Amino acid sequence: MAGHSIPHFQNDGGHRLIQIGVKEFMCTGASVPFDHPHIFIDMGDDNEKVCSYCSTLYRYNPSLKAEQTDPPGCVFHVKAA
């Protein structure tokens, strides 16, 4: 899968629901150092999925792009060392 990037999302704001524009993604919980193990979530045919670590409810919204969230600011950005 070279060249394929899976979006990562975080929930620093403690939101109950985050709408995202993809059905396959990674949940990190919160930003480092408060993150949980980064887990892959695949919604499959569903439009919602709850993270088993942080209980964030993710809902697919086809009007959003892969790196957009509602509420804004929930995309996880890896910082170079």
PDB file of N, CA and C in Angstrom:
ATOM      1  N   MET A   1       0.826  -1.191   0.000  1.00  0.00           N
ATOM      2  CA  MET A   1       0.000   0.000   0.000  1.00  0.00           C
ATOM      3  C   MET A   1       0.867   1.250   0.000  1.00  0.00           C
ATOM      4  N   ALA A   2       1.948   1.213  -0.645  1.00  0.00           N
ATOM      5  CA  ALA A   2       2.829   2.377  -0.705  1.00  0.00           C
ATOM      6  C   ALA A   2       2.087   3.565  -1.281  1.00  0.00           C
ATOM      7  N   GLY A   3       2.275   4.708  -0.655  1.00  0.00           N
ATOM      8  CA  GLY A   3       1.650   5.926  -1.140  1.00  0.00           C
ATOM      9  C   GLY A   3       0.230   6.124  -0.641  1.00  0.00           C
ATOM     10  N   HIS A   4      -0.318   5.127   0.095  1.00  0.00           N
ATOM     11  CA  HIS A   4      -1.680   5.250   0.613  1.00  0.00           C
ATOM     12  C   HIS A   4      -1.604   5.764   2.038  1.00  0.00           C
ATOM     13  N   SER A   5      -2.361   6.801   2.330  1.00  0.00           N
ATOM     14  CA  SER A   5      -2.352   7.386   3.660  1.00  0.00           C
ATOM     15  C   SER A   5      -3.736   7.248   4.296  1.00  0.00           C
ATOM     16  N   ILE A   6      -3.784   6.691   5.472  1.00  0.00           N
ATOM     17  CA  ILE A   6      -5.042   6.547   6.195  1.00  0.00           C
ATOM     18  C   ILE A   6      -5.190   7.740   7.135  1.00  0.00           C
ATOM     19  N   PRO A   7      -6.305   8.476   7.045  1.00  0.00           N
ATOM     20  CA  PRO A   7      -6.505   9.632   7.930  1.00  0.00           C
ATOM     21  C   PRO A   7      -6.536   9.213   9.401  1.00  0.00           C
ATOM     22  N   HIS A   8      -5.976  10.061  10.244  1.00  0.00           N
ATOM     23  CA  HIS A   8      -5.978   9.855  11.695  1.00  0.00           C
ATOM     24  C   HIS A   8      -6.793  10.988  12.316  1.00  0.00           C
ATOM     25  N   PHE A   9      -7.624  10.635  13.297  1.00  0.00           N
ATOM     26  CA  PHE A   9      -8.446  11.637  13.977  1.00  0.00           C
ATOM     27  C   PHE A   9      -8.226  11.553  15.479  1.00  0.00           C
ATOM     28  N   GLN A  10      -8.352  12.706  16.153  1.00  0.00           N
ATOM     29  CA  GLN A  10      -8.209  12.804  17.605  1.00  0.00           C
ATOM     30  C   GLN A  10      -9.380  13.602  18.166  1.00  0.00           C
ATOM     31  N   ASN A  11      -9.580  13.467  19.460  1.00  0.00           N
ATOM     32  CA  ASN A  11     -10.710  14.125  20.109  1.00  0.00           C
ATOM     33  C   ASN A  11     -10.252  14.907  21.330  1.00  0.00           C
ATOM     34  N   ASP A  12      -9.354  15.858  21.140  1.00  0.00           N
ATOM     35  CA  ASP A  12      -8.873  16.689  22.245  1.00  0.00           C
ATOM     36  C   ASP A  12     -10.005  17.466  22.910  1.00  0.00           C
ATOM     37  N   GLY A  13     -11.034  17.801  22.147  1.00  0.00           N
ATOM     38  CA  GLY A  13     -12.136  18.602  22.674  1.00  0.00           C
ATOM     39  C   GLY A  13     -13.167  17.807  23.462  1.00  0.00           C
ATOM     40  N   GLY A  14     -13.025  16.483  23.509  1.00  0.00           N
ATOM     41  CA  GLY A  14     -13.973  15.664  24.251  1.00  0.00           C
ATOM     42  C   GLY A  14     -15.368  15.643  23.635  1.00  0.00           C
ATOM     43  N   HIS A  15     -15.440  15.757  22.314  1.00  0.00           N
ATOM     44  CA  HIS A  15     -16.734  15.759  21.620  1.00  0.00           C
ATOM     45  C   HIS A  15     -17.385  14.382  21.687  1.00  0.00           C
ATOM     46  N   ARG A  16     -18.690  14.351  21.824  1.00  0.00           N
ATOM     47  CA  ARG A  16     -19.423  13.093  21.827  1.00  0.00           C
ATOM     48  C   ARG A  16     -19.461  12.499  20.432  1.00  0.00           C
ATOM     49  N   LEU A  17     -19.545  13.364  19.407  1.00  0.00           N
ATOM     50  CA  LEU A  17     -19.688  12.946  18.011  1.00  0.00           C
ATOM     51  C   LEU A  17     -18.732  13.740  17.141  1.00  0.00           C
ATOM     52  N   ILE A  18     -18.046  13.035  16.230  1.00  0.00           N
ATOM     53  CA  ILE A  18     -17.208  13.687  15.226  1.00  0.00           C
ATOM     54  C   ILE A  18     -17.631  13.153  13.870  1.00  0.00           C
ATOM     55  N   GLN A  19     -17.997  14.057  12.969  1.00  0.00           N
ATOM     56  CA  GLN A  19     -18.344  13.670  11.610  1.00  0.00           C
ATOM     57  C   GLN A  19     -17.081  13.709  10.757  1.00  0.00           C
ATOM     58  N   ILE A  20     -16.909  12.675   9.931  1.00  0.00           N
ATOM     59  CA  ILE A  20     -15.716  12.560   9.092  1.00  0.00           C
ATOM     60  C   ILE A  20     -16.111  12.164   7.671  1.00  0.00           C
ATOM     61  N   GLY A  21     -15.217  12.402   6.724  1.00  0.00           N
ATOM     62  CA  GLY A  21     -15.510  12.139   5.319  1.00  0.00           C
ATOM     63  C   GLY A  21     -14.966  10.830   4.782  1.00  0.00           C
ATOM     64  N   VAL A  22     -14.576   9.916   5.658  1.00  0.00           N
ATOM     65  CA  VAL A  22     -14.052   8.607   5.252  1.00  0.00           C
ATOM     66  C   VAL A  22     -14.680   7.520   6.118  1.00  0.00           C
ATOM     67  N   LYS A  23     -14.613   6.277   5.630  1.00  0.00           N
ATOM     68  CA  LYS A  23     -15.141   5.155   6.404  1.00  0.00           C
ATOM     69  C   LYS A  23     -14.042   4.253   6.968  1.00  0.00           C
ATOM     70  N   GLU A  24     -12.800   4.496   6.563  1.00  0.00           N
ATOM     71  CA  GLU A  24     -11.645   3.762   7.097  1.00  0.00           C
ATOM     72  C   GLU A  24     -10.664   4.792   7.624  1.00  0.00           C
ATOM     73  N   PHE A  25     -10.273   4.657   8.896  1.00  0.00           N
ATOM     74  CA  PHE A  25      -9.448   5.691   9.526  1.00  0.00           C
ATOM     75  C   PHE A  25      -8.796   5.131  10.785  1.00  0.00           C
ATOM     76  N   MET A  26      -7.939   5.947  11.390  1.00  0.00           N
ATOM     77  CA  MET A  26      -7.308   5.616  12.659  1.00  0.00           C
ATOM     78  C   MET A  26      -7.814   6.595  13.715  1.00  0.00           C
ATOM     79  N   CYS A  27      -8.137   6.079  14.890  1.00  0.00           N
ATOM     80  CA  CYS A  27      -8.472   6.931  16.030  1.00  0.00           C
ATOM     81  C   CYS A  27      -7.278   6.924  16.969  1.00  0.00           C
ATOM     82  N   THR A  28      -6.873   8.123  17.407  1.00  0.00           N
ATOM     83  CA  THR A  28      -5.741   8.247  18.327  1.00  0.00           C
ATOM     84  C   THR A  28      -6.187   8.652  19.732  1.00  0.00           C
ATOM     85  N   GLY A  29      -7.465   8.933  19.893  1.00  0.00           N
ATOM     86  CA  GLY A  29      -7.982   9.369  21.187  1.00  0.00           C
ATOM     87  C   GLY A  29      -7.761  10.853  21.375  1.00  0.00           C
ATOM     88  N   ALA A  30      -6.549  11.236  21.719  1.00  0.00           N
ATOM     89  CA  ALA A  30      -6.179  12.632  21.929  1.00  0.00           C
ATOM     90  C   ALA A  30      -4.767  12.838  21.381  1.00  0.00           C
ATOM     91  N   SER A  31      -4.300  14.039  21.467  1.00  0.00           N
ATOM     92  CA  SER A  31      -2.946  14.335  21.009  1.00  0.00           C
ATOM     93  C   SER A  31      -1.926  13.787  22.000  1.00  0.00           C
ATOM     94  N   VAL A  32      -0.735  13.516  21.522  1.00  0.00           N
ATOM     95  CA  VAL A  32       0.378  13.040  22.343  1.00  0.00           C
ATOM     96  C   VAL A  32       0.639  14.074  23.441  1.00  0.00           C
ATOM     97  N   PRO A  33       0.836  13.726  24.663  1.00  0.00           N
ATOM     98  CA  PRO A  33       1.077  12.395  25.209  1.00  0.00           C
ATOM     99  C   PRO A  33      -0.184  11.725  25.772  1.00  0.00           C
ATOM    100  N   PHE A  34      -1.346  12.245  25.473  1.00  0.00           N
ATOM    101  CA  PHE A  34      -2.589  11.727  26.040  1.00  0.00           C
ATOM    102  C   PHE A  34      -3.339  10.788  25.093  1.00  0.00           C
ATOM    103  N   ASP A  35      -2.661  10.331  24.050  1.00  0.00           N
ATOM    104  CA  ASP A  35      -3.284   9.446  23.064  1.00  0.00           C
ATOM    105  C   ASP A  35      -3.422   8.026  23.610  1.00  0.00           C
ATOM    106  N   HIS A  36      -4.309   7.263  22.983  1.00  0.00           N
ATOM    107  CA  HIS A  36      -4.418   5.838  23.285  1.00  0.00           C
ATOM    108  C   HIS A  36      -3.791   5.093  22.099  1.00  0.00           C
ATOM    109  N   PRO A  37      -3.660   3.769  22.168  1.00  0.00           N
ATOM    110  CA  PRO A  37      -3.116   3.063  21.003  1.00  0.00           C
ATOM    111  C   PRO A  37      -3.890   3.460  19.742  1.00  0.00           C
ATOM    112  N   HIS A  38      -3.172   3.757  18.696  1.00  0.00           N
ATOM    113  CA  HIS A  38      -3.797   4.209  17.448  1.00  0.00           C
ATOM    114  C   HIS A  38      -4.423   2.999  16.765  1.00  0.00           C
ATOM    115  N   ILE A  39      -5.753   2.986  16.707  1.00  0.00           N
ATOM    116  CA  ILE A  39      -6.446   1.812  16.182  1.00  0.00           C
ATOM    117  C   ILE A  39      -7.137   2.111  14.857  1.00  0.00           C
ATOM    118  N   PHE A  40      -7.121   1.106  13.987  1.00  0.00           N
ATOM    119  CA  PHE A  40      -7.790   1.195  12.693  1.00  0.00           C
ATOM    120  C   PHE A  40      -9.263   0.889  12.880  1.00  0.00           C
ATOM    121  N   ILE A  41     -10.113   1.733  12.318  1.00  0.00           N
ATOM    122  CA  ILE A  41     -11.562   1.530  12.377  1.00  0.00           C
ATOM    123  C   ILE A  41     -12.096   1.515  10.950  1.00  0.00           C
ATOM    124  N   ASP A  42     -12.884   0.506  10.654  1.00  0.00           N
ATOM    125  CA  ASP A  42     -13.518   0.365   9.341  1.00  0.00           C
ATOM    126  C   ASP A  42     -15.025   0.321   9.562  1.00  0.00           C
ATOM    127  N   MET A  43     -15.746   1.314   9.049  1.00  0.00           N
ATOM    128  CA  MET A  43     -17.191   1.364   9.228  1.00  0.00           C
ATOM    129  C   MET A  43     -17.932   0.338   8.376  1.00  0.00           C
ATOM    130  N   GLY A  44     -17.278  -0.152   7.317  1.00  0.00           N
ATOM    131  CA  GLY A  44     -17.948  -1.109   6.440  1.00  0.00           C
ATOM    132  C   GLY A  44     -19.202  -0.502   5.833  1.00  0.00           C
ATOM    133  N   ASP A  45     -20.320  -1.205   5.949  1.00  0.00           N
ATOM    134  CA  ASP A  45     -21.588  -0.713   5.402  1.00  0.00           C
ATOM    135  C   ASP A  45     -22.299   0.254   6.341  1.00  0.00           C
ATOM    136  N   ASP A  46     -21.795   0.377   7.576  1.00  0.00           N
ATOM    137  CA  ASP A  46     -22.417   1.279   8.548  1.00  0.00           C
ATOM    138  C   ASP A  46     -21.992   2.726   8.296  1.00  0.00           C
ATOM    139  N   ASN A  47     -22.704   3.655   8.887  1.00  0.00           N
ATOM    140  CA  ASN A  47     -22.361   5.077   8.791  1.00  0.00           C
ATOM    141  C   ASN A  47     -21.869   5.643  10.106  1.00  0.00           C
ATOM    142  N   GLU A  48     -21.808   4.800  11.147  1.00  0.00           N
ATOM    143  CA  GLU A  48     -21.320   5.227  12.452  1.00  0.00           C
ATOM    144  C   GLU A  48     -20.495   4.102  13.064  1.00  0.00           C
ATOM    145  N   LYS A  49     -19.528   4.507  13.894  1.00  0.00           N
ATOM    146  CA  LYS A  49     -18.722   3.520  14.629  1.00  0.00           C
ATOM    147  C   LYS A  49     -18.191   4.207  15.883  1.00  0.00           C
ATOM    148  N   VAL A  50     -18.159   3.470  16.988  1.00  0.00           N
ATOM    149  CA  VAL A  50     -17.648   3.979  18.256  1.00  0.00           C
ATOM    150  C   VAL A  50     -16.251   3.409  18.483  1.00  0.00           C
ATOM    151  N   CYS A  51     -15.306   4.273  18.868  1.00  0.00           N
ATOM    152  CA  CYS A  51     -13.956   3.816  19.198  1.00  0.00           C
ATOM    153  C   CYS A  51     -14.012   3.019  20.494  1.00  0.00           C
ATOM    154  N   SER A  52     -13.434   1.825  20.470  1.00  0.00           N
ATOM    155  CA  SER A  52     -13.472   0.946  21.641  1.00  0.00           C
ATOM    156  C   SER A  52     -12.584   1.433  22.789  1.00  0.00           C
ATOM    157  N   TYR A  53     -11.673   2.365  22.520  1.00  0.00           N
ATOM    158  CA  TYR A  53     -10.810   2.902  23.574  1.00  0.00           C
ATOM    159  C   TYR A  53     -11.389   4.150  24.227  1.00  0.00           C
ATOM    160  N   CYS A  54     -11.782   5.133  23.414  1.00  0.00           N
ATOM    161  CA  CYS A  54     -12.182   6.430  23.974  1.00  0.00           C
ATOM    162  C   CYS A  54     -13.683   6.713  23.873  1.00  0.00           C
ATOM    163  N   SER A  55     -14.416   5.803  23.256  1.00  0.00           N
ATOM    164  CA  SER A  55     -15.879   5.907  23.115  1.00  0.00           C
ATOM    165  C   SER A  55     -16.338   7.078  22.265  1.00  0.00           C
ATOM    166  N   THR A  56     -15.448   7.648  21.459  1.00  0.00           N
ATOM    167  CA  THR A  56     -15.857   8.697  20.525  1.00  0.00           C
ATOM    168  C   THR A  56     -16.728   8.068  19.442  1.00  0.00           C
ATOM    169  N   LEU A  57     -17.860   8.696  19.160  1.00  0.00           N
ATOM    170  CA  LEU A  57     -18.735   8.246  18.085  1.00  0.00           C
ATOM    171  C   LEU A  57     -18.325   8.971  16.809  1.00  0.00           C
ATOM    172  N   TYR A  58     -17.938   8.205  15.801  1.00  0.00           N
ATOM    173  CA  TYR A  58     -17.589   8.758  14.491  1.00  0.00           C
ATOM    174  C   TYR A  58     -18.755   8.495  13.542  1.00  0.00           C
ATOM    175  N   ARG A  59     -19.142   9.546  12.799  1.00  0.00           N
ATOM    176  CA  ARG A  59     -20.236   9.408  11.832  1.00  0.00           C
ATOM    177  C   ARG A  59     -19.735   9.834  10.453  1.00  0.00           C
ATOM    178  N   TYR A  60     -19.982   8.989   9.459  1.00  0.00           N
ATOM    179  CA  TYR A  60     -19.602   9.287   8.079  1.00  0.00           C
ATOM    180  C   TYR A  60     -20.507  10.377   7.514  1.00  0.00           C
ATOM    181  N   ASN A  61     -19.876  11.389   6.931  1.00  0.00           N
ATOM    182  CA  ASN A  61     -20.590  12.482   6.276  1.00  0.00           C
ATOM    183  C   ASN A  61     -19.972  12.642   4.889  1.00  0.00           C
ATOM    184  N   PRO A  62     -20.662  12.174   3.831  1.00  0.00           N
ATOM    185  CA  PRO A  62     -20.070  12.198   2.488  1.00  0.00           C
ATOM    186  C   PRO A  62     -19.792  13.593   1.937  1.00  0.00           C
ATOM    187  N   SER A  63     -20.314  14.628   2.575  1.00  0.00           N
ATOM    188  CA  SER A  63     -20.040  15.989   2.101  1.00  0.00           C
ATOM    189  C   SER A  63     -18.687  16.508   2.595  1.00  0.00           C
ATOM    190  N   LEU A  64     -18.045  15.790   3.522  1.00  0.00           N
ATOM    191  CA  LEU A  64     -16.728  16.189   4.032  1.00  0.00           C
ATOM    192  C   LEU A  64     -15.626  15.508   3.231  1.00  0.00           C
ATOM    193  N   LYS A  65     -14.502  16.191   3.090  1.00  0.00           N
ATOM    194  CA  LYS A  65     -13.319  15.602   2.453  1.00  0.00           C
ATOM    195  C   LYS A  65     -12.590  14.739   3.483  1.00  0.00           C
ATOM    196  N   ALA A  66     -11.623  13.955   3.005  1.00  0.00           N
ATOM    197  CA  ALA A  66     -10.910  13.010   3.868  1.00  0.00           C
ATOM    198  C   ALA A  66     -10.243  13.669   5.070  1.00  0.00           C
ATOM    199  N   GLU A  67      -9.793  14.903   4.929  1.00  0.00           N
ATOM    200  CA  GLU A  67      -9.111  15.568   6.043  1.00  0.00           C
ATOM    201  C   GLU A  67      -9.929  16.719   6.609  1.00  0.00           C
ATOM    202  N   GLN A  68     -11.247  16.537   6.617  1.00  0.00           N
ATOM    203  CA  GLN A  68     -12.145  17.507   7.237  1.00  0.00           C
ATOM    204  C   GLN A  68     -12.932  16.811   8.335  1.00  0.00           C
ATOM    205  N   THR A  69     -13.258  17.546   9.370  1.00  0.00           N
ATOM    206  CA  THR A  69     -14.091  17.017  10.445  1.00  0.00           C
ATOM    207  C   THR A  69     -15.117  18.064  10.851  1.00  0.00           C
ATOM    208  N   ASP A  70     -16.183  17.603  11.451  1.00  0.00           N
ATOM    209  CA  ASP A  70     -17.176  18.487  12.050  1.00  0.00           C
ATOM    210  C   ASP A  70     -17.481  17.924  13.427  1.00  0.00           C
ATOM    211  N   PRO A  71     -17.061  18.585  14.483  1.00  0.00           N
ATOM    212  CA  PRO A  71     -16.476  19.913  14.542  1.00  0.00           C
ATOM    213  C   PRO A  71     -15.052  19.938  13.959  1.00  0.00           C
ATOM    214  N   PRO A  72     -14.654  21.121  13.490  1.00  0.00           N
ATOM    215  CA  PRO A  72     -13.306  21.262  12.908  1.00  0.00           C
ATOM    216  C   PRO A  72     -12.209  21.016  13.946  1.00  0.00           C
ATOM    217  N   GLY A  73     -11.017  20.677  13.456  1.00  0.00           N
ATOM    218  CA  GLY A  73      -9.849  20.562  14.324  1.00  0.00           C
ATOM    219  C   GLY A  73      -9.608  19.186  14.916  1.00  0.00           C
ATOM    220  N   CYS A  74     -10.253  18.156  14.388  1.00  0.00           N
ATOM    221  CA  CYS A  74     -10.093  16.806  14.946  1.00  0.00           C
ATOM    222  C   CYS A  74      -9.178  15.912  14.120  1.00  0.00           C
ATOM    223  N   VAL A  75      -8.496  16.480  13.133  1.00  0.00           N
ATOM    224  CA  VAL A  75      -7.520  15.702  12.354  1.00  0.00           C
ATOM    225  C   VAL A  75      -6.230  15.634  13.167  1.00  0.00           C
ATOM    226  N   PHE A  76      -5.679  14.436  13.301  1.00  0.00           N
ATOM    227  CA  PHE A  76      -4.433  14.226  14.025  1.00  0.00           C
ATOM    228  C   PHE A  76      -3.270  14.419  13.060  1.00  0.00           C
ATOM    229  N   HIS A  77      -2.339  15.302  13.416  1.00  0.00           N
ATOM    230  CA  HIS A  77      -1.153  15.551  12.591  1.00  0.00           C
ATOM    231  C   HIS A  77       0.082  15.029  13.313  1.00  0.00           C
ATOM    232  N   VAL A  78       0.814  14.149  12.638  1.00  0.00           N
ATOM    233  CA  VAL A  78       2.046  13.614  13.214  1.00  0.00           C
ATOM    234  C   VAL A  78       3.112  14.685  13.142  1.00  0.00           C
ATOM    235  N   LYS A  79       3.766  14.919  14.280  1.00  0.00           N
ATOM    236  CA  LYS A  79       4.836  15.917  14.321  1.00  0.00           C
ATOM    237  C   LYS A  79       6.170  15.222  14.190  1.00  0.00           C
ATOM    238  N   ALA A  80       6.993  15.731  13.295  1.00  0.00           N
ATOM    239  CA  ALA A  80       8.327  15.151  13.069  1.00  0.00           C
ATOM    240  C   ALA A  80       9.197  15.321  14.311  1.00  0.00           C
ATOM    241  N   ALA A  81      10.017  14.329  14.555  1.00  0.00           N
ATOM    242  CA  ALA A  81      10.896  14.358  15.727  1.00  0.00           C
ATOM    243  C   ALA A  81      12.034  15.325  15.541  1.00  0.00           C
TER     244      ALA A  81
END
